[in-house]
Amino acid sequence: MRWIHRDSLITCGHDGRVQNRPSQHWVTVRGVPVLVRPDPEEREITACPNYGPTIKPCLRTRSVTVGYSTWLRVDRQPVVLSHLDGLTDGTPPGTVHHQVRDPRQTFLGADA
């Protein structure tokens, strides 16, 4: 698994892009801040193509089910790893996930 940072590609299940915003800036991978809990939660999703008269596109990420390191921490918050998986607010409710498509770094890895 790879550490996830601000430039990693996280998408909803329909390929909408999650807007990463790191809450810390002093631990980086090649100068790019890593994400920690709760950075992947409640983030904006842009360009979700899943829309229609009775369909709500993914607009925000929701809770993370897996993807936080059990032992790597920054300021007592677990680091986000590439096996990240969580829900979005898109339809059908409770079924659309957000996941890492590309960590965009191969320099730093870790076990869960």
PDB file of N, CA and C in Angstrom:
ATOM      1  N   MET A   1       0.836  -1.181   0.000  1.00  0.00           N
ATOM      2  CA  MET A   1       0.000   0.000   0.000  1.00  0.00           C
ATOM      3  C   MET A   1       0.880   1.243   0.000  1.00  0.00           C
ATOM      4  N   ARG A   2       0.387   2.277  -0.596  1.00  0.00           N
ATOM      5  CA  ARG A   2       1.102   3.553  -0.688  1.00  0.00           C
ATOM      6  C   ARG A   2       0.459   4.594   0.211  1.00  0.00           C
ATOM      7  N   TRP A   3       1.286   5.542   0.674  1.00  0.00           N
ATOM      8  CA  TRP A   3       0.755   6.703   1.399  1.00  0.00           C
ATOM      9  C   TRP A   3       0.007   7.569   0.383  1.00  0.00           C
ATOM     10  N   ILE A   4      -1.089   8.157   0.801  1.00  0.00           N
ATOM     11  CA  ILE A   4      -1.896   9.009  -0.075  1.00  0.00           C
ATOM     12  C   ILE A   4      -1.630  10.467   0.279  1.00  0.00           C
ATOM     13  N   HIS A   5      -1.467  11.293  -0.749  1.00  0.00           N
ATOM     14  CA  HIS A   5      -1.191  12.713  -0.527  1.00  0.00           C
ATOM     15  C   HIS A   5      -2.150  13.584  -1.327  1.00  0.00           C
ATOM     16  N   ARG A   6      -1.951  14.872  -1.223  1.00  0.00           N
ATOM     17  CA  ARG A   6      -2.853  15.849  -1.845  1.00  0.00           C
ATOM     18  C   ARG A   6      -3.045  15.606  -3.337  1.00  0.00           C
ATOM     19  N   ASP A   7      -2.037  15.140  -4.045  1.00  0.00           N
ATOM     20  CA  ASP A   7      -2.128  14.973  -5.492  1.00  0.00           C
ATOM     21  C   ASP A   7      -2.586  13.584  -5.929  1.00  0.00           C
ATOM     22  N   SER A   8      -2.866  12.691  -4.980  1.00  0.00           N
ATOM     23  CA  SER A   8      -3.358  11.353  -5.324  1.00  0.00           C
ATOM     24  C   SER A   8      -4.742  11.470  -5.959  1.00  0.00           C
ATOM     25  N   LEU A   9      -5.040  10.555  -6.860  1.00  0.00           N
ATOM     26  CA  LEU A   9      -6.333  10.565  -7.540  1.00  0.00           C
ATOM     27  C   LEU A   9      -7.312   9.657  -6.791  1.00  0.00           C
ATOM     28  N   ILE A  10      -8.310  10.288  -6.183  1.00  0.00           N
ATOM     29  CA  ILE A  10      -9.396   9.576  -5.505  1.00  0.00           C
ATOM     30  C   ILE A  10     -10.665   9.917  -6.271  1.00  0.00           C
ATOM     31  N   THR A  11     -11.439   8.886  -6.620  1.00  0.00           N
ATOM     32  CA  THR A  11     -12.651   9.129  -7.410  1.00  0.00           C
ATOM     33  C   THR A  11     -13.847   8.403  -6.792  1.00  0.00           C
ATOM     34  N   CYS A  12     -15.033   8.889  -7.145  1.00  0.00           N
ATOM     35  CA  CYS A  12     -16.243   8.167  -6.777  1.00  0.00           C
ATOM     36  C   CYS A  12     -16.384   6.986  -7.729  1.00  0.00           C
ATOM     37  N   GLY A  13     -17.357   6.134  -7.464  1.00  0.00           N
ATOM     38  CA  GLY A  13     -17.581   4.959  -8.294  1.00  0.00           C
ATOM     39  C   GLY A  13     -17.964   5.262  -9.726  1.00  0.00           C
ATOM     40  N   HIS A  14     -18.316   6.516 -10.006  1.00  0.00           N
ATOM     41  CA  HIS A  14     -18.684   6.924 -11.368  1.00  0.00           C
ATOM     42  C   HIS A  14     -17.558   7.714 -12.032  1.00  0.00           C
ATOM     43  N   ASP A  15     -16.402   7.817 -11.387  1.00  0.00           N
ATOM     44  CA  ASP A  15     -15.213   8.531 -11.859  1.00  0.00           C
ATOM     45  C   ASP A  15     -15.244  10.033 -11.649  1.00  0.00           C
ATOM     46  N   GLY A  16     -16.102  10.538 -10.768  1.00  0.00           N
ATOM     47  CA  GLY A  16     -16.014  11.938 -10.356  1.00  0.00           C
ATOM     48  C   GLY A  16     -14.780  12.104  -9.479  1.00  0.00           C
ATOM     49  N   ARG A  17     -14.152  13.241  -9.522  1.00  0.00           N
ATOM     50  CA  ARG A  17     -12.880  13.449  -8.821  1.00  0.00           C
ATOM     51  C   ARG A  17     -13.082  14.083  -7.441  1.00  0.00           C
ATOM     52  N   VAL A  18     -12.473  13.465  -6.428  1.00  0.00           N
ATOM     53  CA  VAL A  18     -12.513  13.987  -5.065  1.00  0.00           C
ATOM     54  C   VAL A  18     -11.467  15.097  -4.936  1.00  0.00           C
ATOM     55  N   GLN A  19     -11.871  16.213  -4.353  1.00  0.00           N
ATOM     56  CA  GLN A  19     -10.973  17.345  -4.140  1.00  0.00           C
ATOM     57  C   GLN A  19     -10.241  17.160  -2.803  1.00  0.00           C
ATOM     58  N   ASN A  20      -8.984  16.749  -2.875  1.00  0.00           N
ATOM     59  CA  ASN A  20      -8.193  16.490  -1.673  1.00  0.00           C
ATOM     60  C   ASN A  20      -7.749  17.795  -1.023  1.00  0.00           C
ATOM     61  N   ARG A  21      -7.922  17.887   0.295  1.00  0.00           N
ATOM     62  CA  ARG A  21      -7.443  19.021   1.082  1.00  0.00           C
ATOM     63  C   ARG A  21      -6.759  18.475   2.328  1.00  0.00           C
ATOM     64  N   PRO A  22      -5.438  18.510   2.379  1.00  0.00           N
ATOM     65  CA  PRO A  22      -4.747  18.000   3.562  1.00  0.00           C
ATOM     66  C   PRO A  22      -4.957  18.914   4.763  1.00  0.00           C
ATOM     67  N   SER A  23      -5.107  18.305   5.931  1.00  0.00           N
ATOM     68  CA  SER A  23      -5.279  19.094   7.156  1.00  0.00           C
ATOM     69  C   SER A  23      -3.951  19.367   7.844  1.00  0.00           C
ATOM     70  N   GLN A  24      -2.888  18.760   7.370  1.00  0.00           N
ATOM     71  CA  GLN A  24      -1.559  19.006   7.917  1.00  0.00           C
ATOM     72  C   GLN A  24      -0.614  19.244   6.739  1.00  0.00           C
ATOM     73  N   HIS A  25       0.470  19.960   6.998  1.00  0.00           N
ATOM     74  CA  HIS A  25       1.385  20.317   5.906  1.00  0.00           C
ATOM     75  C   HIS A  25       2.848  20.065   6.221  1.00  0.00           C
ATOM     76  N   TRP A  26       3.144  19.464   7.359  1.00  0.00           N
ATOM     77  CA  TRP A  26       4.556  19.305   7.685  1.00  0.00           C
ATOM     78  C   TRP A  26       5.114  17.938   7.354  1.00  0.00           C
ATOM     79  N   VAL A  27       4.282  16.908   7.135  1.00  0.00           N
ATOM     80  CA  VAL A  27       4.762  15.612   6.655  1.00  0.00           C
ATOM     81  C   VAL A  27       4.374  15.509   5.191  1.00  0.00           C
ATOM     82  N   THR A  28       5.387  15.323   4.341  1.00  0.00           N
ATOM     83  CA  THR A  28       5.149  15.319   2.902  1.00  0.00           C
ATOM     84  C   THR A  28       5.806  14.112   2.244  1.00  0.00           C
ATOM     85  N   VAL A  29       5.360  13.801   1.034  1.00  0.00           N
ATOM     86  CA  VAL A  29       6.021  12.836   0.163  1.00  0.00           C
ATOM     87  C   VAL A  29       6.489  13.645  -1.036  1.00  0.00           C
ATOM     88  N   ARG A  30       7.794  13.815  -1.126  1.00  0.00           N
ATOM     89  CA  ARG A  30       8.396  14.618  -2.197  1.00  0.00           C
ATOM     90  C   ARG A  30       7.776  16.014  -2.289  1.00  0.00           C
ATOM     91  N   GLY A  31       7.544  16.605  -1.119  1.00  0.00           N
ATOM     92  CA  GLY A  31       7.056  17.975  -1.050  1.00  0.00           C
ATOM     93  C   GLY A  31       5.549  18.140  -1.082  1.00  0.00           C
ATOM     94  N   VAL A  32       4.800  17.043  -1.191  1.00  0.00           N
ATOM     95  CA  VAL A  32       3.345  17.107  -1.260  1.00  0.00           C
ATOM     96  C   VAL A  32       2.778  16.580   0.070  1.00  0.00           C
ATOM     97  N   PRO A  33       1.934  17.353   0.766  1.00  0.00           N
ATOM     98  CA  PRO A  33       1.410  16.932   2.072  1.00  0.00           C
ATOM     99  C   PRO A  33       0.603  15.639   2.007  1.00  0.00           C
ATOM    100  N   VAL A  34       0.857  14.734   2.974  1.00  0.00           N
ATOM    101  CA  VAL A  34       0.103  13.486   3.054  1.00  0.00           C
ATOM    102  C   VAL A  34      -1.261  13.741   3.692  1.00  0.00           C
ATOM    103  N   LEU A  35      -2.203  12.860   3.377  1.00  0.00           N
ATOM    104  CA  LEU A  35      -3.540  12.943   3.961  1.00  0.00           C
ATOM    105  C   LEU A  35      -3.599  12.101   5.228  1.00  0.00           C
ATOM    106  N   VAL A  36      -4.321  12.601   6.212  1.00  0.00           N
ATOM    107  CA  VAL A  36      -4.551  11.891   7.474  1.00  0.00           C
ATOM    108  C   VAL A  36      -6.051  11.936   7.771  1.00  0.00           C
ATOM    109  N   ARG A  37      -6.480  11.146   8.776  1.00  0.00           N
ATOM    110  CA  ARG A  37      -7.891  11.199   9.165  1.00  0.00           C
ATOM    111  C   ARG A  37      -8.220  12.587   9.681  1.00  0.00           C
ATOM    112  N   PRO A  38      -9.273  13.230   9.309  1.00  0.00           N
ATOM    113  CA  PRO A  38     -10.402  12.820   8.464  1.00  0.00           C
ATOM    114  C   PRO A  38     -10.346  13.433   7.061  1.00  0.00           C
ATOM    115  N   ASP A  39      -9.153  13.636   6.510  1.00  0.00           N
ATOM    116  CA  ASP A  39      -9.021  14.342   5.219  1.00  0.00           C
ATOM    117  C   ASP A  39      -9.886  13.800   4.081  1.00  0.00           C
ATOM    118  N   PRO A  40     -10.067  12.485   3.917  1.00  0.00           N
ATOM    119  CA  PRO A  40     -10.891  12.026   2.781  1.00  0.00           C
ATOM    120  C   PRO A  40     -12.404  12.128   3.019  1.00  0.00           C
ATOM    121  N   GLU A  41     -12.820  12.546   4.204  1.00  0.00           N
ATOM    122  CA  GLU A  41     -14.244  12.594   4.520  1.00  0.00           C
ATOM    123  C   GLU A  41     -14.802  14.005   4.329  1.00  0.00           C
ATOM    124  N   GLU A  42     -16.035  14.071   3.847  1.00  0.00           N
ATOM    125  CA  GLU A  42     -16.747  15.340   3.622  1.00  0.00           C
ATOM    126  C   GLU A  42     -16.005  16.260   2.641  1.00  0.00           C
ATOM    127  N   ARG A  43     -15.444  15.665   1.605  1.00  0.00           N
ATOM    128  CA  ARG A  43     -14.760  16.431   0.567  1.00  0.00           C
ATOM    129  C   ARG A  43     -15.632  16.528  -0.673  1.00  0.00           C
ATOM    130  N   GLU A  44     -15.472  17.626  -1.395  1.00  0.00           N
ATOM    131  CA  GLU A  44     -16.237  17.870  -2.615  1.00  0.00           C
ATOM    132  C   GLU A  44     -15.815  16.891  -3.707  1.00  0.00           C
ATOM    133  N   ILE A  45     -16.798  16.461  -4.492  1.00  0.00           N
ATOM    134  CA  ILE A  45     -16.550  15.621  -5.666  1.00  0.00           C
ATOM    135  C   ILE A  45     -17.001  16.411  -6.881  1.00  0.00           C
ATOM    136  N   THR A  46     -16.129  16.529  -7.870  1.00  0.00           N
ATOM    137  CA  THR A  46     -16.467  17.269  -9.087  1.00  0.00           C
ATOM    138  C   THR A  46     -16.570  16.310 -10.278  1.00  0.00           C
ATOM    139  N   ALA A  47     -17.374  16.693 -11.232  1.00  0.00           N
ATOM    140  CA  ALA A  47     -17.521  16.010 -12.517  1.00  0.00           C
ATOM    141  C   ALA A  47     -18.053  14.585 -12.416  1.00  0.00           C
ATOM    142  N   CYS A  48     -18.906  14.309 -11.437  1.00  0.00           N
ATOM    143  CA  CYS A  48     -19.551  12.990 -11.380  1.00  0.00           C
ATOM    144  C   CYS A  48     -20.575  12.935 -12.517  1.00  0.00           C
ATOM    145  N   PRO A  49     -20.433  11.982 -13.427  1.00  0.00           N
ATOM    146  CA  PRO A  49     -21.332  11.919 -14.577  1.00  0.00           C
ATOM    147  C   PRO A  49     -22.675  11.245 -14.278  1.00  0.00           C
ATOM    148  N   ASN A  50     -22.899  10.810 -13.054  1.00  0.00           N
ATOM    149  CA  ASN A  50     -24.124  10.100 -12.689  1.00  0.00           C
ATOM    150  C   ASN A  50     -25.213  11.107 -12.310  1.00  0.00           C
ATOM    151  N   TYR A  51     -25.985  11.541 -13.283  1.00  0.00           N
ATOM    152  CA  TYR A  51     -27.061  12.488 -13.001  1.00  0.00           C
ATOM    153  C   TYR A  51     -28.224  12.267 -13.958  1.00  0.00           C
ATOM    154  N   GLY A  52     -29.370  12.750 -13.558  1.00  0.00           N
ATOM    155  CA  GLY A  52     -30.578  12.607 -14.356  1.00  0.00           C
ATOM    156  C   GLY A  52     -31.772  13.080 -13.548  1.00  0.00           C
ATOM    157  N   PRO A  53     -32.989  12.919 -14.077  1.00  0.00           N
ATOM    158  CA  PRO A  53     -34.179  13.426 -13.396  1.00  0.00           C
ATOM    159  C   PRO A  53     -34.367  12.890 -11.981  1.00  0.00           C
ATOM    160  N   THR A  54     -34.070  11.629 -11.738  1.00  0.00           N
ATOM    161  CA  THR A  54     -34.248  11.059 -10.396  1.00  0.00           C
ATOM    162  C   THR A  54     -32.932  10.549  -9.815  1.00  0.00           C
ATOM    163  N   ILE A  55     -31.828  10.985 -10.392  1.00  0.00           N
ATOM    164  CA  ILE A  55     -30.505  10.510  -9.966  1.00  0.00           C
ATOM    165  C   ILE A  55     -29.699  11.672  -9.418  1.00  0.00           C
ATOM    166  N   LYS A  56     -29.119  11.479  -8.236  1.00  0.00           N
ATOM    167  CA  LYS A  56     -28.284  12.502  -7.619  1.00  0.00           C
ATOM    168  C   LYS A  56     -26.819  12.138  -7.852  1.00  0.00           C
ATOM    169  N   PRO A  57     -26.055  13.036  -8.466  1.00  0.00           N
ATOM    170  CA  PRO A  57     -24.628  12.748  -8.649  1.00  0.00           C
ATOM    171  C   PRO A  57     -23.893  12.791  -7.309  1.00  0.00           C
ATOM    172  N   CYS A  58     -22.729  12.208  -7.280  1.00  0.00           N
ATOM    173  CA  CYS A  58     -21.892  12.265  -6.081  1.00  0.00           C
ATOM    174  C   CYS A  58     -21.349  13.692  -5.956  1.00  0.00           C
ATOM    175  N   LEU A  59     -21.645  14.335  -4.846  1.00  0.00           N
ATOM    176  CA  LEU A  59     -21.175  15.699  -4.598  1.00  0.00           C
ATOM    177  C   LEU A  59     -20.198  15.782  -3.437  1.00  0.00           C
ATOM    178  N   ARG A  60     -20.279  14.817  -2.488  1.00  0.00           N
ATOM    179  CA  ARG A  60     -19.397  14.820  -1.310  1.00  0.00           C
ATOM    180  C   ARG A  60     -19.070  13.387  -0.892  1.00  0.00           C
ATOM    181  N   THR A  61     -17.869  13.234  -0.364  1.00  0.00           N
ATOM    182  CA  THR A  61     -17.522  11.959   0.244  1.00  0.00           C
ATOM    183  C   THR A  61     -18.164  11.883   1.616  1.00  0.00           C
ATOM    184  N   ARG A  62     -18.376  10.697   2.094  1.00  0.00           N
ATOM    185  CA  ARG A  62     -18.921  10.469   3.437  1.00  0.00           C
ATOM    186  C   ARG A  62     -17.902   9.668   4.234  1.00  0.00           C
ATOM    187  N   SER A  63     -18.350   8.796   5.091  1.00  0.00           N
ATOM    188  CA  SER A  63     -17.454   8.071   5.993  1.00  0.00           C
ATOM    189  C   SER A  63     -16.506   7.129   5.245  1.00  0.00           C
ATOM    190  N   VAL A  64     -15.361   6.919   5.858  1.00  0.00           N
ATOM    191  CA  VAL A  64     -14.362   5.974   5.351  1.00  0.00           C
ATOM    192  C   VAL A  64     -14.554   4.655   6.098  1.00  0.00           C
ATOM    193  N   THR A  65     -14.615   3.542   5.357  1.00  0.00           N
ATOM    194  CA  THR A  65     -14.769   2.238   5.998  1.00  0.00           C
ATOM    195  C   THR A  65     -13.420   1.563   6.222  1.00  0.00           C
ATOM    196  N   VAL A  66     -12.496   1.695   5.282  1.00  0.00           N
ATOM    197  CA  VAL A  66     -11.121   1.202   5.429  1.00  0.00           C
ATOM    198  C   VAL A  66     -10.182   2.193   4.756  1.00  0.00           C
ATOM    199  N   GLY A  67      -8.928   2.163   5.166  1.00  0.00           N
ATOM    200  CA  GLY A  67      -7.939   3.006   4.497  1.00  0.00           C
ATOM    201  C   GLY A  67      -7.073   3.827   5.413  1.00  0.00           C
ATOM    202  N   TYR A  68      -7.361   3.803   6.714  1.00  0.00           N
ATOM    203  CA  TYR A  68      -6.497   4.495   7.664  1.00  0.00           C
ATOM    204  C   TYR A  68      -5.495   3.505   8.235  1.00  0.00           C
ATOM    205  N   SER A  69      -4.241   3.919   8.328  1.00  0.00           N
ATOM    206  CA  SER A  69      -3.214   3.064   8.899  1.00  0.00           C
ATOM    207  C   SER A  69      -3.532   2.773  10.361  1.00  0.00           C
ATOM    208  N   THR A  70      -3.230   1.551  10.786  1.00  0.00           N
ATOM    209  CA  THR A  70      -3.461   1.189  12.184  1.00  0.00           C
ATOM    210  C   THR A  70      -2.279   1.561  13.071  1.00  0.00           C
ATOM    211  N   TRP A  71      -1.125   1.923  12.459  1.00  0.00           N
ATOM    212  CA  TRP A  71       0.014   2.268  13.303  1.00  0.00           C
ATOM    213  C   TRP A  71       0.807   3.490  12.866  1.00  0.00           C
ATOM    214  N   LEU A  72       0.660   3.977  11.633  1.00  0.00           N
ATOM    215  CA  LEU A  72       1.349   5.198  11.196  1.00  0.00           C
ATOM    216  C   LEU A  72       0.478   6.403  11.477  1.00  0.00           C
ATOM    217  N   ARG A  73       1.041   7.391  12.192  1.00  0.00           N
ATOM    218  CA  ARG A  73       0.256   8.565  12.586  1.00  0.00           C
ATOM    219  C   ARG A  73       1.058   9.846  12.394  1.00  0.00           C
ATOM    220  N   VAL A  74       0.313  10.925  12.141  1.00  0.00           N
ATOM    221  CA  VAL A  74       0.862  12.278  12.097  1.00  0.00           C
ATOM    222  C   VAL A  74      -0.001  13.096  13.042  1.00  0.00           C
ATOM    223  N   ASP A  75       0.592  13.693  14.050  1.00  0.00           N
ATOM    224  CA  ASP A  75      -0.162  14.436  15.065  1.00  0.00           C
ATOM    225  C   ASP A  75      -1.320  13.602  15.632  1.00  0.00           C
ATOM    226  N   ARG A  76      -1.048  12.349  15.921  1.00  0.00           N
ATOM    227  CA  ARG A  76      -2.005  11.401  16.493  1.00  0.00           C
ATOM    228  C   ARG A  76      -3.137  10.991  15.541  1.00  0.00           C
ATOM    229  N   GLN A  77      -3.076  11.411  14.281  1.00  0.00           N
ATOM    230  CA  GLN A  77      -4.093  11.030  13.297  1.00  0.00           C
ATOM    231  C   GLN A  77      -3.507   9.992  12.346  1.00  0.00           C
ATOM    232  N   PRO A  78      -4.246   8.903  12.066  1.00  0.00           N
ATOM    233  CA  PRO A  78      -3.729   7.877  11.162  1.00  0.00           C
ATOM    234  C   PRO A  78      -3.549   8.397   9.733  1.00  0.00           C
ATOM    235  N   VAL A  79      -2.499   7.921   9.094  1.00  0.00           N
ATOM    236  CA  VAL A  79      -2.189   8.256   7.704  1.00  0.00           C
ATOM    237  C   VAL A  79      -3.152   7.504   6.792  1.00  0.00           C
ATOM    238  N   VAL A  80      -3.535   8.120   5.674  1.00  0.00           N
ATOM    239  CA  VAL A  80      -4.405   7.491   4.680  1.00  0.00           C
ATOM    240  C   VAL A  80      -3.543   6.644   3.751  1.00  0.00           C
ATOM    241  N   LEU A  81      -3.984   5.406   3.516  1.00  0.00           N
ATOM    242  CA  LEU A  81      -3.264   4.483   2.641  1.00  0.00           C
ATOM    243  C   LEU A  81      -4.093   4.155   1.401  1.00  0.00           C
ATOM    244  N   SER A  82      -3.441   3.566   0.413  1.00  0.00           N
ATOM    245  CA  SER A  82      -4.060   3.375  -0.901  1.00  0.00           C
ATOM    246  C   SER A  82      -5.203   2.362  -0.942  1.00  0.00           C
ATOM    247  N   HIS A  83      -5.462   1.633   0.133  1.00  0.00           N
ATOM    248  CA  HIS A  83      -6.614   0.733   0.136  1.00  0.00           C
ATOM    249  C   HIS A  83      -7.881   1.450   0.629  1.00  0.00           C
ATOM    250  N   LEU A  84      -7.849   2.776   0.634  1.00  0.00           N
ATOM    251  CA  LEU A  84      -8.969   3.618   1.048  1.00  0.00           C
ATOM    252  C   LEU A  84     -10.270   3.207   0.359  1.00  0.00           C
ATOM    253  N   ASP A  85     -11.328   3.131   1.139  1.00  0.00           N
ATOM    254  CA  ASP A  85     -12.658   2.864   0.606  1.00  0.00           C
ATOM    255  C   ASP A  85     -13.673   3.508   1.541  1.00  0.00           C
ATOM    256  N   GLY A  86     -14.581   4.278   0.971  1.00  0.00           N
ATOM    257  CA  GLY A  86     -15.619   4.930   1.754  1.00  0.00           C
ATOM    258  C   GLY A  86     -16.830   5.203   0.894  1.00  0.00           C
ATOM    259  N   LEU A  87     -17.842   5.784   1.481  1.00  0.00           N
ATOM    260  CA  LEU A  87     -19.083   6.063   0.763  1.00  0.00           C
ATOM    261  C   LEU A  87     -19.150   7.505   0.279  1.00  0.00           C
ATOM    262  N   THR A  88     -20.075   7.754  -0.660  1.00  0.00           N
ATOM    263  CA  THR A  88     -20.370   9.101  -1.135  1.00  0.00           C
ATOM    264  C   THR A  88     -21.848   9.384  -0.887  1.00  0.00           C
ATOM    265  N   ASP A  89     -22.276  10.595  -1.226  1.00  0.00           N
ATOM    266  CA  ASP A  89     -23.691  10.954  -1.070  1.00  0.00           C
ATOM    267  C   ASP A  89     -24.501  10.737  -2.341  1.00  0.00           C
ATOM    268  N   GLY A  90     -23.925  10.062  -3.336  1.00  0.00           N
ATOM    269  CA  GLY A  90     -24.616   9.835  -4.608  1.00  0.00           C
ATOM    270  C   GLY A  90     -25.664   8.737  -4.522  1.00  0.00           C
ATOM    271  N   THR A  91     -26.439   8.586  -5.612  1.00  0.00           N
ATOM    272  CA  THR A  91     -27.470   7.553  -5.658  1.00  0.00           C
ATOM    273  C   THR A  91     -26.956   6.341  -6.423  1.00  0.00           C
ATOM    274  N   PRO A  92     -27.434   5.172  -6.068  1.00  0.00           N
ATOM    275  CA  PRO A  92     -28.340   4.883  -4.965  1.00  0.00           C
ATOM    276  C   PRO A  92     -27.656   5.059  -3.615  1.00  0.00           C
ATOM    277  N   PRO A  93     -28.372   5.607  -2.613  1.00  0.00           N
ATOM    278  CA  PRO A  93     -27.784   5.917  -1.307  1.00  0.00           C
ATOM    279  C   PRO A  93     -27.126   4.701  -0.645  1.00  0.00           C
ATOM    280  N   GLY A  94     -25.969   4.950  -0.061  1.00  0.00           N
ATOM    281  CA  GLY A  94     -25.267   3.913   0.676  1.00  0.00           C
ATOM    282  C   GLY A  94     -24.595   2.843  -0.159  1.00  0.00           C
ATOM    283  N   THR A  95     -24.500   3.061  -1.468  1.00  0.00           N
ATOM    284  CA  THR A  95     -23.891   2.036  -2.327  1.00  0.00           C
ATOM    285  C   THR A  95     -22.721   2.538  -3.169  1.00  0.00           C
ATOM    286  N   VAL A  96     -22.571   3.845  -3.323  1.00  0.00           N
ATOM    287  CA  VAL A  96     -21.515   4.388  -4.172  1.00  0.00           C
ATOM    288  C   VAL A  96     -20.290   4.683  -3.307  1.00  0.00           C
ATOM    289  N   HIS A  97     -19.160   4.143  -3.716  1.00  0.00           N
ATOM    290  CA  HIS A  97     -17.931   4.266  -2.945  1.00  0.00           C
ATOM    291  C   HIS A  97     -16.962   5.265  -3.565  1.00  0.00           C
ATOM    292  N   HIS A  98     -16.052   5.787  -2.733  1.00  0.00           N
ATOM    293  CA  HIS A  98     -14.907   6.539  -3.248  1.00  0.00           C
ATOM    294  C   HIS A  98     -13.657   5.742  -2.902  1.00  0.00           C
ATOM    295  N   GLN A  99     -12.729   5.686  -3.869  1.00  0.00           N
ATOM    296  CA  GLN A  99     -11.525   4.884  -3.728  1.00  0.00           C
ATOM    297  C   GLN A  99     -10.363   5.561  -4.424  1.00  0.00           C
ATOM    298  N   VAL A 100      -9.162   5.119  -4.065  1.00  0.00           N
ATOM    299  CA  VAL A 100      -7.947   5.626  -4.701  1.00  0.00           C
ATOM    300  C   VAL A 100      -7.808   4.960  -6.060  1.00  0.00           C
ATOM    301  N   ARG A 101      -7.716   5.758  -7.106  1.00  0.00           N
ATOM    302  CA  ARG A 101      -7.475   5.233  -8.460  1.00  0.00           C
ATOM    303  C   ARG A 101      -5.986   5.232  -8.784  1.00  0.00           C
ATOM    304  N   ASP A 102      -5.278   6.233  -8.262  1.00  0.00           N
ATOM    305  CA  ASP A 102      -3.841   6.341  -8.524  1.00  0.00           C
ATOM    306  C   ASP A 102      -3.191   7.095  -7.369  1.00  0.00           C
ATOM    307  N   PRO A 103      -2.294   6.440  -6.603  1.00  0.00           N
ATOM    308  CA  PRO A 103      -1.654   7.141  -5.488  1.00  0.00           C
ATOM    309  C   PRO A 103      -0.745   8.281  -5.955  1.00  0.00           C
ATOM    310  N   ARG A 104      -0.314   8.216  -7.205  1.00  0.00           N
ATOM    311  CA  ARG A 104       0.556   9.225  -7.810  1.00  0.00           C
ATOM    312  C   ARG A 104       1.869   9.410  -7.056  1.00  0.00           C
ATOM    313  N   GLN A 105       2.285   8.350  -6.408  1.00  0.00           N
ATOM    314  CA  GLN A 105       3.632   8.308  -5.841  1.00  0.00           C
ATOM    315  C   GLN A 105       3.964   6.854  -5.598  1.00  0.00           C
ATOM    316  N   THR A 106       5.214   6.477  -5.872  1.00  0.00           N
ATOM    317  CA  THR A 106       5.672   5.120  -5.639  1.00  0.00           C
ATOM    318  C   THR A 106       6.840   5.101  -4.658  1.00  0.00           C
ATOM    319  N   PHE A 107       7.095   6.233  -4.044  1.00  0.00           N
ATOM    320  CA  PHE A 107       8.251   6.400  -3.171  1.00  0.00           C
ATOM    321  C   PHE A 107       8.027   5.816  -1.787  1.00  0.00           C
ATOM    322  N   LEU A 108       6.848   6.005  -1.212  1.00  0.00           N
ATOM    323  CA  LEU A 108       6.610   5.639   0.179  1.00  0.00           C
ATOM    324  C   LEU A 108       5.442   4.683   0.305  1.00  0.00           C
ATOM    325  N   GLY A 109       5.708   3.509   0.874  1.00  0.00           N
ATOM    326  CA  GLY A 109       4.672   2.506   1.078  1.00  0.00           C
ATOM    327  C   GLY A 109       4.638   2.066   2.519  1.00  0.00           C
ATOM    328  N   ALA A 110       3.590   1.316   2.883  1.00  0.00           N
ATOM    329  CA  ALA A 110       3.440   0.820   4.252  1.00  0.00           C
ATOM    330  C   ALA A 110       2.460  -0.322   4.272  1.00  0.00           C
ATOM    331  N   ASP A 111       2.562  -1.134   5.305  1.00  0.00           N
ATOM    332  CA  ASP A 111       1.529  -2.130   5.583  1.00  0.00           C
ATOM    333  C   ASP A 111       0.428  -1.421   6.369  1.00  0.00           C
ATOM    334  N   ALA A 112      -0.756  -1.996   6.362  1.00  0.00           N
ATOM    335  CA  ALA A 112      -1.875  -1.376   7.074  1.00  0.00           C
ATOM    336  C   ALA A 112      -1.548  -1.277   8.546  1.00  0.00           C
TER     337      ALA A 112
END
